[in-house]
Amino acid sequence: MSALTPYDYKIFVTGPFQSGKTTLIHTLDPYAISIDRPLPRPYRGVSGTTTTGFDLGRIAWVREEELDDGIIVPRNDYTPEDHNGCIVKEIELRGVPGPLHFKFVRDTMRNNSNAVFLLVDSSDPDMIEDAKSHLQEVHLSFHGIPHVVFASKQDRHDAVSPEEVAEWVGVDEAIGITTHDAQACRSTITRVLRSLLAS
């Protein structure tokens, strides 16, 4: 039996309930797995599921040069011969439940993380306090690793700007993202990866 190859980077994906974490991970990696359950009732008019265990996605970040943004490929679709001579970093995306009482699950998933993605629903000002609690949890639990706040659901008609989301949670910057748009999502994430993790 061959040994498992460790991933180059592990990214902790957190944020309030229904902020878009699972959608982000499954958009980047359609093969991602989730431990979830159906919502007991529609949330803001939408039926779906909520993560109760974790989301786990695996991607390859492929660049021709170190300063390139590069591209993201689901790890299951990556083949070295298609990217000969490229710089390739394998990345594990770990999504965690958003409700604050699931802190014990988040605690078990934090180990060895290299960066944190915090998603905030830019169309739902009611989640501001939860978003602030998640940000405080990130500050208390992670030391010396980068984190970025995403203003998710920018495609909704009632979404506010990323600048306003940044003001909501008290950070200098939030990056707008539409987690259902695969091309835009991957483009945004590659730029973030280069700024956070490029060696």
N, C-alpha and C. Protein backbone atom coordinates (compact mmCIF):
# COMPACT_ATOMS: atom_id res chain seq x y z
N MET A 1 0.85 -1.19 0.00
CA MET A 1 0.00 0.00 0.00
C MET A 1 0.89 1.24 0.00
N SER A 2 0.62 2.20 -0.90
CA SER A 2 1.43 3.40 -0.96
C SER A 2 0.98 4.39 0.11
N ALA A 3 1.95 5.20 0.59
CA ALA A 3 1.64 6.19 1.61
C ALA A 3 0.85 7.34 1.00
N LEU A 4 0.00 7.94 1.81
CA LEU A 4 -0.75 9.10 1.34
C LEU A 4 0.18 10.29 1.20
N THR A 5 0.03 11.05 0.12
CA THR A 5 0.84 12.23 -0.09
C THR A 5 0.21 13.41 0.63
N PRO A 6 0.97 14.10 1.50
CA PRO A 6 0.38 15.25 2.20
C PRO A 6 0.12 16.39 1.23
N TYR A 7 -0.89 17.17 1.53
CA TYR A 7 -1.20 18.32 0.69
C TYR A 7 -0.24 19.45 1.02
N ASP A 8 0.08 20.25 -0.01
CA ASP A 8 1.00 21.37 0.19
C ASP A 8 0.40 22.42 1.10
N TYR A 9 -0.91 22.68 0.94
CA TYR A 9 -1.58 23.68 1.75
C TYR A 9 -2.92 23.14 2.21
N LYS A 10 -3.33 23.58 3.39
CA LYS A 10 -4.65 23.26 3.92
C LYS A 10 -5.34 24.58 4.27
N ILE A 11 -6.52 24.77 3.71
CA ILE A 11 -7.25 26.02 3.91
C ILE A 11 -8.52 25.73 4.70
N PHE A 12 -8.69 26.46 5.78
CA PHE A 12 -9.83 26.34 6.68
C PHE A 12 -10.91 27.30 6.20
N VAL A 13 -12.07 26.77 5.84
CA VAL A 13 -13.15 27.59 5.27
C VAL A 13 -14.27 27.68 6.31
N THR A 14 -14.48 28.90 6.82
CA THR A 14 -15.42 29.09 7.92
C THR A 14 -16.35 30.26 7.63
N GLY A 15 -17.29 30.48 8.52
CA GLY A 15 -18.24 31.57 8.36
C GLY A 15 -19.59 31.18 8.92
N PRO A 16 -20.52 32.13 9.02
CA PRO A 16 -21.83 31.85 9.59
C PRO A 16 -22.64 30.85 8.77
N PHE A 17 -23.70 30.40 9.39
CA PHE A 17 -24.69 29.51 8.78
C PHE A 17 -25.17 30.06 7.44
N GLN A 18 -25.13 29.22 6.40
CA GLN A 18 -25.63 29.54 5.07
C GLN A 18 -24.92 30.73 4.42
N SER A 19 -23.62 30.85 4.69
CA SER A 19 -22.85 31.95 4.09
C SER A 19 -22.23 31.57 2.75
N GLY A 20 -22.31 30.29 2.36
CA GLY A 20 -21.80 29.88 1.05
C GLY A 20 -20.57 29.01 1.07
N LYS A 21 -20.20 28.50 2.24
CA LYS A 21 -18.97 27.72 2.37
C LYS A 21 -19.00 26.43 1.54
N THR A 22 -20.08 25.67 1.68
CA THR A 22 -20.19 24.41 0.95
C THR A 22 -20.24 24.64 -0.54
N THR A 23 -20.99 25.66 -0.96
CA THR A 23 -21.07 25.96 -2.39
C THR A 23 -19.70 26.32 -2.95
N LEU A 24 -18.94 27.13 -2.22
CA LEU A 24 -17.59 27.50 -2.66
C LEU A 24 -16.74 26.25 -2.88
N ILE A 25 -16.74 25.36 -1.91
CA ILE A 25 -15.88 24.17 -1.99
C ILE A 25 -16.32 23.26 -3.13
N HIS A 26 -17.62 23.08 -3.31
CA HIS A 26 -18.10 22.20 -4.38
C HIS A 26 -17.94 22.85 -5.76
N THR A 27 -17.92 24.16 -5.81
CA THR A 27 -17.65 24.84 -7.08
C THR A 27 -16.19 24.65 -7.49
N LEU A 28 -15.29 24.75 -6.53
CA LEU A 28 -13.87 24.56 -6.82
C LEU A 28 -13.55 23.09 -7.06
N ASP A 29 -14.23 22.20 -6.38
CA ASP A 29 -14.01 20.77 -6.53
C ASP A 29 -15.35 20.05 -6.58
N PRO A 30 -15.86 19.76 -7.77
CA PRO A 30 -17.15 19.06 -7.88
C PRO A 30 -17.16 17.68 -7.24
N TYR A 31 -15.98 17.13 -6.95
CA TYR A 31 -15.89 15.83 -6.32
C TYR A 31 -15.87 15.93 -4.78
N ALA A 32 -15.95 17.12 -4.25
CA ALA A 32 -15.88 17.32 -2.80
C ALA A 32 -16.96 16.51 -2.08
N ILE A 33 -16.67 16.15 -0.85
CA ILE A 33 -17.63 15.41 -0.04
C ILE A 33 -18.10 16.30 1.11
N SER A 34 -19.32 16.07 1.53
CA SER A 34 -19.91 16.84 2.62
C SER A 34 -20.69 15.93 3.54
N ILE A 35 -20.58 16.20 4.81
CA ILE A 35 -21.45 15.56 5.80
C ILE A 35 -22.46 16.62 6.22
N ASP A 36 -23.69 16.43 5.77
CA ASP A 36 -24.71 17.46 5.98
C ASP A 36 -26.07 16.82 6.19
N ARG A 37 -27.06 17.67 6.34
CA ARG A 37 -28.44 17.19 6.47
C ARG A 37 -29.36 18.22 5.83
N PRO A 38 -30.56 17.83 5.41
CA PRO A 38 -31.49 18.79 4.84
C PRO A 38 -31.89 19.85 5.87
N LEU A 39 -32.09 21.05 5.39
CA LEU A 39 -32.61 22.09 6.27
C LEU A 39 -34.02 21.71 6.71
N PRO A 40 -34.37 21.91 7.97
CA PRO A 40 -35.73 21.56 8.41
C PRO A 40 -36.81 22.44 7.79
N ARG A 41 -36.41 23.62 7.33
CA ARG A 41 -37.34 24.54 6.66
C ARG A 41 -36.52 25.42 5.72
N PRO A 42 -37.14 25.97 4.69
CA PRO A 42 -36.39 26.85 3.79
C PRO A 42 -35.75 28.01 4.55
N TYR A 43 -34.55 28.37 4.13
CA TYR A 43 -33.84 29.51 4.73
C TYR A 43 -33.87 30.66 3.74
N ARG A 44 -34.51 31.75 4.12
CA ARG A 44 -34.67 32.91 3.25
C ARG A 44 -35.28 32.50 1.90
N GLY A 45 -36.24 31.57 1.99
CA GLY A 45 -36.97 31.15 0.81
C GLY A 45 -36.31 30.06 -0.01
N VAL A 46 -35.17 29.55 0.44
CA VAL A 46 -34.42 28.55 -0.33
C VAL A 46 -34.30 27.27 0.48
N SER A 47 -34.67 26.13 -0.14
CA SER A 47 -34.46 24.83 0.49
C SER A 47 -33.06 24.34 0.16
N GLY A 48 -32.54 23.50 1.01
CA GLY A 48 -31.19 22.99 0.75
C GLY A 48 -30.71 22.16 1.92
N THR A 49 -29.40 22.16 2.11
CA THR A 49 -28.80 21.39 3.20
C THR A 49 -27.93 22.31 4.04
N THR A 50 -27.53 21.80 5.20
CA THR A 50 -26.59 22.51 6.05
C THR A 50 -25.53 21.53 6.52
N THR A 51 -24.30 21.98 6.57
CA THR A 51 -23.19 21.13 6.99
C THR A 51 -23.27 20.89 8.49
N THR A 52 -23.21 19.62 8.87
CA THR A 52 -23.19 19.26 10.29
C THR A 52 -21.88 18.59 10.68
N GLY A 53 -21.11 18.16 9.71
CA GLY A 53 -19.81 17.54 9.98
C GLY A 53 -18.69 18.36 9.36
N PHE A 54 -18.52 18.19 8.06
CA PHE A 54 -17.49 18.95 7.36
C PHE A 54 -17.72 18.87 5.87
N ASP A 55 -17.04 19.76 5.14
CA ASP A 55 -16.90 19.69 3.68
C ASP A 55 -15.42 19.47 3.41
N LEU A 56 -15.11 18.62 2.46
CA LEU A 56 -13.71 18.35 2.15
C LEU A 56 -13.52 18.36 0.63
N GLY A 57 -12.77 19.34 0.15
CA GLY A 57 -12.46 19.44 -1.27
C GLY A 57 -10.96 19.40 -1.49
N ARG A 58 -10.57 18.98 -2.69
CA ARG A 58 -9.14 18.89 -3.02
C ARG A 58 -8.94 19.46 -4.41
N ILE A 59 -8.01 20.39 -4.52
CA ILE A 59 -7.74 21.05 -5.79
C ILE A 59 -6.25 21.09 -6.05
N ALA A 60 -5.90 21.29 -7.31
CA ALA A 60 -4.51 21.55 -7.70
C ALA A 60 -4.44 22.98 -8.22
N TRP A 61 -3.49 23.73 -7.72
CA TRP A 61 -3.26 25.10 -8.17
C TRP A 61 -2.05 25.05 -9.10
N VAL A 62 -2.27 25.35 -10.36
CA VAL A 62 -1.25 25.14 -11.40
C VAL A 62 -0.81 26.49 -11.96
N ARG A 63 0.52 26.74 -11.94
CA ARG A 63 1.06 27.99 -12.48
C ARG A 63 2.24 27.67 -13.39
N GLU A 64 2.38 28.45 -14.45
CA GLU A 64 3.56 28.31 -15.30
C GLU A 64 4.76 29.03 -14.69
N GLU A 65 4.50 30.14 -14.01
CA GLU A 65 5.54 30.91 -13.33
C GLU A 65 5.05 31.25 -11.93
N GLU A 66 5.98 31.52 -11.01
CA GLU A 66 5.61 31.79 -9.63
C GLU A 66 4.72 33.01 -9.49
N LEU A 67 4.89 34.00 -10.37
CA LEU A 67 4.11 35.23 -10.26
C LEU A 67 2.78 35.16 -11.00
N ASP A 68 2.49 34.05 -11.65
CA ASP A 68 1.21 33.87 -12.32
C ASP A 68 0.10 33.64 -11.31
N ASP A 69 -1.12 34.06 -11.65
CA ASP A 69 -2.28 33.66 -10.86
C ASP A 69 -2.52 32.17 -11.01
N GLY A 70 -2.33 31.67 -12.22
CA GLY A 70 -2.50 30.25 -12.48
C GLY A 70 -3.96 29.86 -12.63
N ILE A 71 -4.19 28.57 -12.57
CA ILE A 71 -5.54 28.02 -12.68
C ILE A 71 -5.77 27.01 -11.57
N ILE A 72 -7.04 26.76 -11.30
CA ILE A 72 -7.43 25.75 -10.32
C ILE A 72 -8.07 24.59 -11.06
N VAL A 73 -7.63 23.39 -10.71
CA VAL A 73 -8.14 22.16 -11.31
C VAL A 73 -8.57 21.24 -10.17
N PRO A 74 -9.77 20.64 -10.24
CA PRO A 74 -10.10 19.64 -9.22
C PRO A 74 -9.02 18.57 -9.18
N ARG A 75 -8.61 18.18 -8.00
CA ARG A 75 -7.51 17.22 -7.87
C ARG A 75 -7.79 15.93 -8.63
N ASN A 76 -9.02 15.49 -8.66
CA ASN A 76 -9.35 14.27 -9.37
C ASN A 76 -9.16 14.39 -10.88
N ASP A 77 -9.17 15.62 -11.39
CA ASP A 77 -9.00 15.84 -12.83
C ASP A 77 -7.56 16.20 -13.20
N TYR A 78 -6.71 16.36 -12.20
CA TYR A 78 -5.33 16.78 -12.48
C TYR A 78 -4.48 15.60 -12.92
N THR A 79 -3.76 15.78 -14.03
CA THR A 79 -2.78 14.80 -14.48
C THR A 79 -1.47 15.52 -14.79
N PRO A 80 -0.36 15.07 -14.25
CA PRO A 80 0.92 15.76 -14.43
C PRO A 80 1.30 15.97 -15.89
N GLU A 81 1.00 15.00 -16.74
CA GLU A 81 1.41 15.11 -18.15
C GLU A 81 0.71 16.27 -18.86
N ASP A 82 -0.44 16.70 -18.36
CA ASP A 82 -1.14 17.83 -18.97
C ASP A 82 -0.55 19.17 -18.57
N HIS A 83 0.30 19.16 -17.54
CA HIS A 83 0.85 20.41 -17.01
C HIS A 83 2.36 20.26 -16.81
N ASN A 84 3.01 19.69 -17.78
CA ASN A 84 4.44 19.43 -17.68
C ASN A 84 5.22 20.73 -17.52
N GLY A 85 6.10 20.76 -16.54
CA GLY A 85 6.93 21.93 -16.30
C GLY A 85 6.28 23.01 -15.47
N CYS A 86 5.04 22.83 -15.06
CA CYS A 86 4.33 23.84 -14.27
C CYS A 86 4.63 23.68 -12.78
N ILE A 87 4.39 24.76 -12.05
CA ILE A 87 4.45 24.73 -10.59
C ILE A 87 3.08 24.29 -10.10
N VAL A 88 3.04 23.20 -9.36
CA VAL A 88 1.76 22.64 -8.92
C VAL A 88 1.76 22.52 -7.40
N LYS A 89 0.74 23.10 -6.79
CA LYS A 89 0.54 22.96 -5.35
C LYS A 89 -0.82 22.30 -5.14
N GLU A 90 -0.84 21.26 -4.33
CA GLU A 90 -2.09 20.58 -4.02
C GLU A 90 -2.66 21.17 -2.73
N ILE A 91 -3.95 21.45 -2.77
CA ILE A 91 -4.60 22.19 -1.68
C ILE A 91 -5.82 21.42 -1.19
N GLU A 92 -5.92 21.32 0.12
CA GLU A 92 -7.09 20.71 0.75
C GLU A 92 -7.96 21.82 1.32
N LEU A 93 -9.23 21.81 0.99
CA LEU A 93 -10.20 22.79 1.49
C LEU A 93 -11.05 22.13 2.56
N ARG A 94 -11.02 22.67 3.77
CA ARG A 94 -11.77 22.09 4.88
C ARG A 94 -12.88 23.04 5.30
N GLY A 95 -14.10 22.70 4.96
CA GLY A 95 -15.24 23.51 5.36
C GLY A 95 -15.83 23.00 6.66
N VAL A 96 -16.33 23.93 7.47
CA VAL A 96 -16.84 23.58 8.79
C VAL A 96 -18.24 24.15 8.99
N PRO A 97 -19.02 23.58 9.93
CA PRO A 97 -20.37 24.09 10.17
C PRO A 97 -20.35 25.53 10.68
N GLY A 98 -21.36 26.30 10.28
CA GLY A 98 -21.42 27.70 10.66
C GLY A 98 -22.06 28.01 12.00
N PRO A 99 -23.13 27.29 12.41
CA PRO A 99 -23.76 27.64 13.68
C PRO A 99 -22.74 27.65 14.82
N LEU A 100 -22.85 28.65 15.68
CA LEU A 100 -21.82 28.85 16.70
C LEU A 100 -21.70 27.67 17.66
N HIS A 101 -22.80 26.91 17.88
CA HIS A 101 -22.72 25.78 18.81
C HIS A 101 -21.92 24.61 18.24
N PHE A 102 -21.51 24.68 16.96
CA PHE A 102 -20.66 23.64 16.38
C PHE A 102 -19.17 23.96 16.54
N LYS A 103 -18.82 24.78 17.50
CA LYS A 103 -17.42 25.15 17.70
C LYS A 103 -16.53 23.93 17.91
N PHE A 104 -17.04 22.92 18.59
CA PHE A 104 -16.24 21.72 18.84
C PHE A 104 -15.83 21.04 17.53
N VAL A 105 -16.70 21.11 16.50
CA VAL A 105 -16.35 20.54 15.20
C VAL A 105 -15.28 21.41 14.54
N ARG A 106 -15.45 22.71 14.59
CA ARG A 106 -14.45 23.60 14.01
C ARG A 106 -13.09 23.40 14.66
N ASP A 107 -13.09 23.21 15.97
CA ASP A 107 -11.83 23.02 16.68
C ASP A 107 -11.09 21.78 16.19
N THR A 108 -11.83 20.71 15.86
CA THR A 108 -11.17 19.48 15.43
C THR A 108 -10.61 19.58 14.01
N MET A 109 -11.08 20.56 13.24
CA MET A 109 -10.66 20.69 11.84
C MET A 109 -9.57 21.73 11.62
N ARG A 110 -9.14 22.41 12.67
CA ARG A 110 -8.22 23.53 12.50
C ARG A 110 -6.77 23.13 12.27
N ASN A 111 -6.37 21.97 12.77
CA ASN A 111 -4.95 21.62 12.81
C ASN A 111 -4.26 21.74 11.46
N ASN A 112 -3.05 22.31 11.50
CA ASN A 112 -2.16 22.39 10.34
C ASN A 112 -2.71 23.24 9.20
N SER A 113 -3.64 24.14 9.49
CA SER A 113 -4.14 25.02 8.45
C SER A 113 -3.07 26.05 8.08
N ASN A 114 -3.03 26.40 6.80
CA ASN A 114 -2.07 27.39 6.30
C ASN A 114 -2.72 28.74 6.00
N ALA A 115 -4.05 28.77 5.90
CA ALA A 115 -4.78 30.01 5.65
C ALA A 115 -6.23 29.78 6.02
N VAL A 116 -6.94 30.89 6.22
CA VAL A 116 -8.36 30.84 6.59
C VAL A 116 -9.16 31.67 5.59
N PHE A 117 -10.23 31.10 5.07
CA PHE A 117 -11.22 31.83 4.29
C PHE A 117 -12.47 31.99 5.16
N LEU A 118 -12.89 33.24 5.41
CA LEU A 118 -14.09 33.51 6.18
C LEU A 118 -15.14 34.09 5.24
N LEU A 119 -16.25 33.39 5.06
CA LEU A 119 -17.31 33.85 4.17
C LEU A 119 -18.41 34.55 4.95
N VAL A 120 -18.87 35.67 4.41
CA VAL A 120 -19.98 36.43 4.98
C VAL A 120 -20.99 36.68 3.87
N ASP A 121 -22.25 36.36 4.12
CA ASP A 121 -23.31 36.56 3.13
C ASP A 121 -23.57 38.06 3.00
N SER A 122 -23.21 38.64 1.87
CA SER A 122 -23.33 40.08 1.68
C SER A 122 -24.76 40.54 1.45
N SER A 123 -25.70 39.60 1.42
CA SER A 123 -27.11 39.96 1.27
C SER A 123 -27.89 39.79 2.58
N ASP A 124 -27.20 39.48 3.67
CA ASP A 124 -27.89 39.15 4.91
C ASP A 124 -27.28 39.89 6.10
N PRO A 125 -27.70 41.13 6.35
CA PRO A 125 -27.15 41.87 7.48
C PRO A 125 -27.46 41.23 8.83
N ASP A 126 -28.44 40.32 8.87
CA ASP A 126 -28.77 39.66 10.13
C ASP A 126 -27.66 38.74 10.63
N MET A 127 -26.71 38.40 9.75
CA MET A 127 -25.64 37.51 10.19
C MET A 127 -24.39 38.28 10.66
N ILE A 128 -24.49 39.58 10.77
CA ILE A 128 -23.30 40.37 11.13
C ILE A 128 -22.70 39.93 12.46
N GLU A 129 -23.55 39.77 13.48
CA GLU A 129 -23.00 39.42 14.79
C GLU A 129 -22.35 38.05 14.77
N ASP A 130 -22.97 37.08 14.07
CA ASP A 130 -22.35 35.77 13.94
C ASP A 130 -21.02 35.87 13.18
N ALA A 131 -20.99 36.70 12.14
CA ALA A 131 -19.75 36.87 11.37
C ALA A 131 -18.65 37.44 12.26
N LYS A 132 -19.00 38.40 13.10
CA LYS A 132 -18.01 38.97 14.03
C LYS A 132 -17.52 37.91 15.01
N SER A 133 -18.43 37.05 15.46
CA SER A 133 -18.03 35.97 16.38
C SER A 133 -17.08 35.00 15.70
N HIS A 134 -17.36 34.68 14.43
CA HIS A 134 -16.46 33.79 13.69
C HIS A 134 -15.09 34.44 13.50
N LEU A 135 -15.09 35.73 13.20
CA LEU A 135 -13.82 36.43 13.03
C LEU A 135 -13.02 36.43 14.33
N GLN A 136 -13.69 36.67 15.44
CA GLN A 136 -13.01 36.63 16.74
C GLN A 136 -12.46 35.23 17.01
N GLU A 137 -13.23 34.22 16.66
CA GLU A 137 -12.78 32.84 16.83
C GLU A 137 -11.52 32.57 16.01
N VAL A 138 -11.50 33.10 14.79
CA VAL A 138 -10.31 32.95 13.93
C VAL A 138 -9.11 33.62 14.59
N HIS A 139 -9.29 34.83 15.09
CA HIS A 139 -8.17 35.55 15.71
C HIS A 139 -7.64 34.83 16.94
N LEU A 140 -8.54 34.21 17.71
CA LEU A 140 -8.12 33.52 18.92
C LEU A 140 -7.50 32.16 18.64
N SER A 141 -7.92 31.54 17.54
CA SER A 141 -7.51 30.15 17.28
C SER A 141 -6.32 30.01 16.35
N PHE A 142 -6.08 31.02 15.52
CA PHE A 142 -5.00 30.93 14.53
C PHE A 142 -4.01 32.07 14.78
N HIS A 143 -2.78 31.71 14.83
CA HIS A 143 -1.74 32.72 15.06
C HIS A 143 -0.69 32.63 13.96
N GLY A 144 -0.48 33.76 13.29
CA GLY A 144 0.60 33.81 12.32
C GLY A 144 0.26 33.24 10.96
N ILE A 145 -1.01 32.95 10.68
CA ILE A 145 -1.37 32.50 9.34
C ILE A 145 -2.35 33.50 8.73
N PRO A 146 -2.30 33.66 7.43
CA PRO A 146 -3.16 34.67 6.79
C PRO A 146 -4.62 34.24 6.75
N HIS A 147 -5.48 35.24 6.74
CA HIS A 147 -6.90 34.97 6.54
C HIS A 147 -7.50 36.07 5.68
N VAL A 148 -8.55 35.71 4.97
CA VAL A 148 -9.22 36.66 4.09
C VAL A 148 -10.72 36.54 4.28
N VAL A 149 -11.39 37.69 4.25
CA VAL A 149 -12.85 37.73 4.36
C VAL A 149 -13.43 37.87 2.96
N PHE A 150 -14.38 37.00 2.65
CA PHE A 150 -15.09 37.05 1.37
C PHE A 150 -16.51 37.55 1.58
N ALA A 151 -16.92 38.51 0.77
CA ALA A 151 -18.31 38.96 0.73
C ALA A 151 -19.01 38.08 -0.30
N SER A 152 -19.69 37.04 0.15
CA SER A 152 -20.27 36.06 -0.76
C SER A 152 -21.66 36.50 -1.23
N LYS A 153 -22.17 35.74 -2.21
CA LYS A 153 -23.51 35.96 -2.78
C LYS A 153 -23.63 37.35 -3.43
N GLN A 154 -22.56 37.77 -4.09
CA GLN A 154 -22.59 39.06 -4.77
C GLN A 154 -23.56 39.08 -5.95
N ASP A 155 -24.04 37.90 -6.36
CA ASP A 155 -24.99 37.84 -7.46
C ASP A 155 -26.42 38.14 -7.03
N ARG A 156 -26.69 38.21 -5.75
CA ARG A 156 -28.05 38.49 -5.28
C ARG A 156 -28.39 39.96 -5.47
N HIS A 157 -29.66 40.23 -5.76
CA HIS A 157 -30.07 41.61 -6.01
C HIS A 157 -29.97 42.47 -4.76
N ASP A 158 -30.03 41.84 -3.57
CA ASP A 158 -29.99 42.59 -2.33
C ASP A 158 -28.61 42.59 -1.67
N ALA A 159 -27.60 42.16 -2.41
CA ALA A 159 -26.24 42.14 -1.86
C ALA A 159 -25.69 43.56 -1.76
N VAL A 160 -24.95 43.80 -0.67
CA VAL A 160 -24.24 45.07 -0.53
C VAL A 160 -22.82 44.88 -1.08
N SER A 161 -22.08 45.95 -1.19
CA SER A 161 -20.73 45.89 -1.75
C SER A 161 -19.77 45.20 -0.78
N PRO A 162 -18.67 44.68 -1.30
CA PRO A 162 -17.65 44.11 -0.41
C PRO A 162 -17.13 45.13 0.60
N GLU A 163 -17.07 46.41 0.20
CA GLU A 163 -16.61 47.45 1.12
C GLU A 163 -17.55 47.56 2.32
N GLU A 164 -18.86 47.44 2.06
CA GLU A 164 -19.81 47.51 3.17
C GLU A 164 -19.72 46.28 4.06
N VAL A 165 -19.49 45.12 3.48
CA VAL A 165 -19.30 43.91 4.28
C VAL A 165 -18.08 44.07 5.18
N ALA A 166 -17.01 44.64 4.65
CA ALA A 166 -15.81 44.89 5.46
C ALA A 166 -16.15 45.78 6.66
N GLU A 167 -16.98 46.79 6.43
CA GLU A 167 -17.41 47.65 7.52
C GLU A 167 -18.25 46.89 8.53
N TRP A 168 -19.12 46.00 8.03
CA TRP A 168 -19.95 45.20 8.94
C TRP A 168 -19.11 44.48 9.98
N VAL A 169 -18.06 43.81 9.51
CA VAL A 169 -17.30 42.93 10.41
C VAL A 169 -16.04 43.58 10.97
N GLY A 170 -15.73 44.80 10.52
CA GLY A 170 -14.60 45.52 11.10
C GLY A 170 -13.25 45.10 10.58
N VAL A 171 -13.15 44.86 9.26
CA VAL A 171 -11.86 44.52 8.65
C VAL A 171 -11.55 45.54 7.56
N ASP A 172 -10.29 45.57 7.15
CA ASP A 172 -9.87 46.54 6.14
C ASP A 172 -10.42 46.23 4.76
N GLU A 173 -10.59 44.93 4.47
CA GLU A 173 -10.99 44.55 3.12
C GLU A 173 -11.82 43.27 3.14
N ALA A 174 -12.82 43.21 2.29
CA ALA A 174 -13.54 41.97 1.99
C ALA A 174 -13.53 41.82 0.47
N ILE A 175 -13.38 40.61 0.01
CA ILE A 175 -13.30 40.34 -1.42
C ILE A 175 -14.63 39.78 -1.90
N GLY A 176 -15.21 40.41 -2.90
CA GLY A 176 -16.49 39.95 -3.43
C GLY A 176 -16.35 38.64 -4.18
N ILE A 177 -17.34 37.76 -3.99
CA ILE A 177 -17.30 36.47 -4.67
C ILE A 177 -18.72 35.97 -4.91
N THR A 178 -18.89 35.30 -6.02
CA THR A 178 -20.15 34.63 -6.35
C THR A 178 -19.84 33.14 -6.44
N THR A 179 -20.24 32.40 -5.42
CA THR A 179 -19.80 31.01 -5.32
C THR A 179 -20.46 30.08 -6.33
N HIS A 180 -21.55 30.51 -6.96
CA HIS A 180 -22.20 29.67 -7.98
C HIS A 180 -21.55 29.82 -9.35
N ASP A 181 -20.76 30.84 -9.55
CA ASP A 181 -20.14 31.13 -10.84
C ASP A 181 -18.74 30.51 -10.85
N ALA A 182 -18.61 29.33 -11.48
CA ALA A 182 -17.35 28.58 -11.38
C ALA A 182 -16.17 29.36 -11.93
N GLN A 183 -16.33 29.96 -13.10
CA GLN A 183 -15.20 30.67 -13.71
C GLN A 183 -14.77 31.86 -12.87
N ALA A 184 -15.73 32.68 -12.44
CA ALA A 184 -15.40 33.84 -11.63
C ALA A 184 -14.84 33.43 -10.27
N CYS A 185 -15.41 32.37 -9.72
CA CYS A 185 -14.95 31.88 -8.42
C CYS A 185 -13.50 31.42 -8.49
N ARG A 186 -13.18 30.63 -9.51
CA ARG A 186 -11.80 30.14 -9.63
C ARG A 186 -10.83 31.29 -9.90
N SER A 187 -11.26 32.26 -10.69
CA SER A 187 -10.40 33.41 -10.97
C SER A 187 -10.10 34.18 -9.69
N THR A 188 -11.13 34.41 -8.88
CA THR A 188 -10.94 35.12 -7.62
C THR A 188 -10.02 34.36 -6.68
N ILE A 189 -10.25 33.06 -6.57
CA ILE A 189 -9.47 32.26 -5.63
C ILE A 189 -8.01 32.16 -6.06
N THR A 190 -7.74 32.08 -7.36
CA THR A 190 -6.33 32.01 -7.79
C THR A 190 -5.59 33.28 -7.40
N ARG A 191 -6.24 34.43 -7.54
CA ARG A 191 -5.58 35.68 -7.14
C ARG A 191 -5.32 35.71 -5.64
N VAL A 192 -6.28 35.22 -4.88
CA VAL A 192 -6.12 35.18 -3.43
C VAL A 192 -5.00 34.22 -3.04
N LEU A 193 -4.96 33.06 -3.68
CA LEU A 193 -3.92 32.09 -3.37
C LEU A 193 -2.53 32.68 -3.64
N ARG A 194 -2.40 33.37 -4.75
CA ARG A 194 -1.08 33.92 -5.07
C ARG A 194 -0.66 34.94 -4.03
N SER A 195 -1.58 35.78 -3.59
CA SER A 195 -1.22 36.80 -2.61
C SER A 195 -0.95 36.21 -1.23
N LEU A 196 -1.64 35.09 -0.89
CA LEU A 196 -1.48 34.51 0.43
C LEU A 196 -0.36 33.49 0.52
N LEU A 197 -0.23 32.68 -0.53
CA LEU A 197 0.55 31.45 -0.38
C LEU A 197 1.70 31.29 -1.35
N ALA A 198 1.78 32.12 -2.37
CA ALA A 198 2.81 31.90 -3.39
C ALA A 198 4.20 31.94 -2.78
N SER A 199 5.01 30.99 -3.21
CA SER A 199 6.39 30.92 -2.70
C SER A 199 7.38 31.33 -3.75
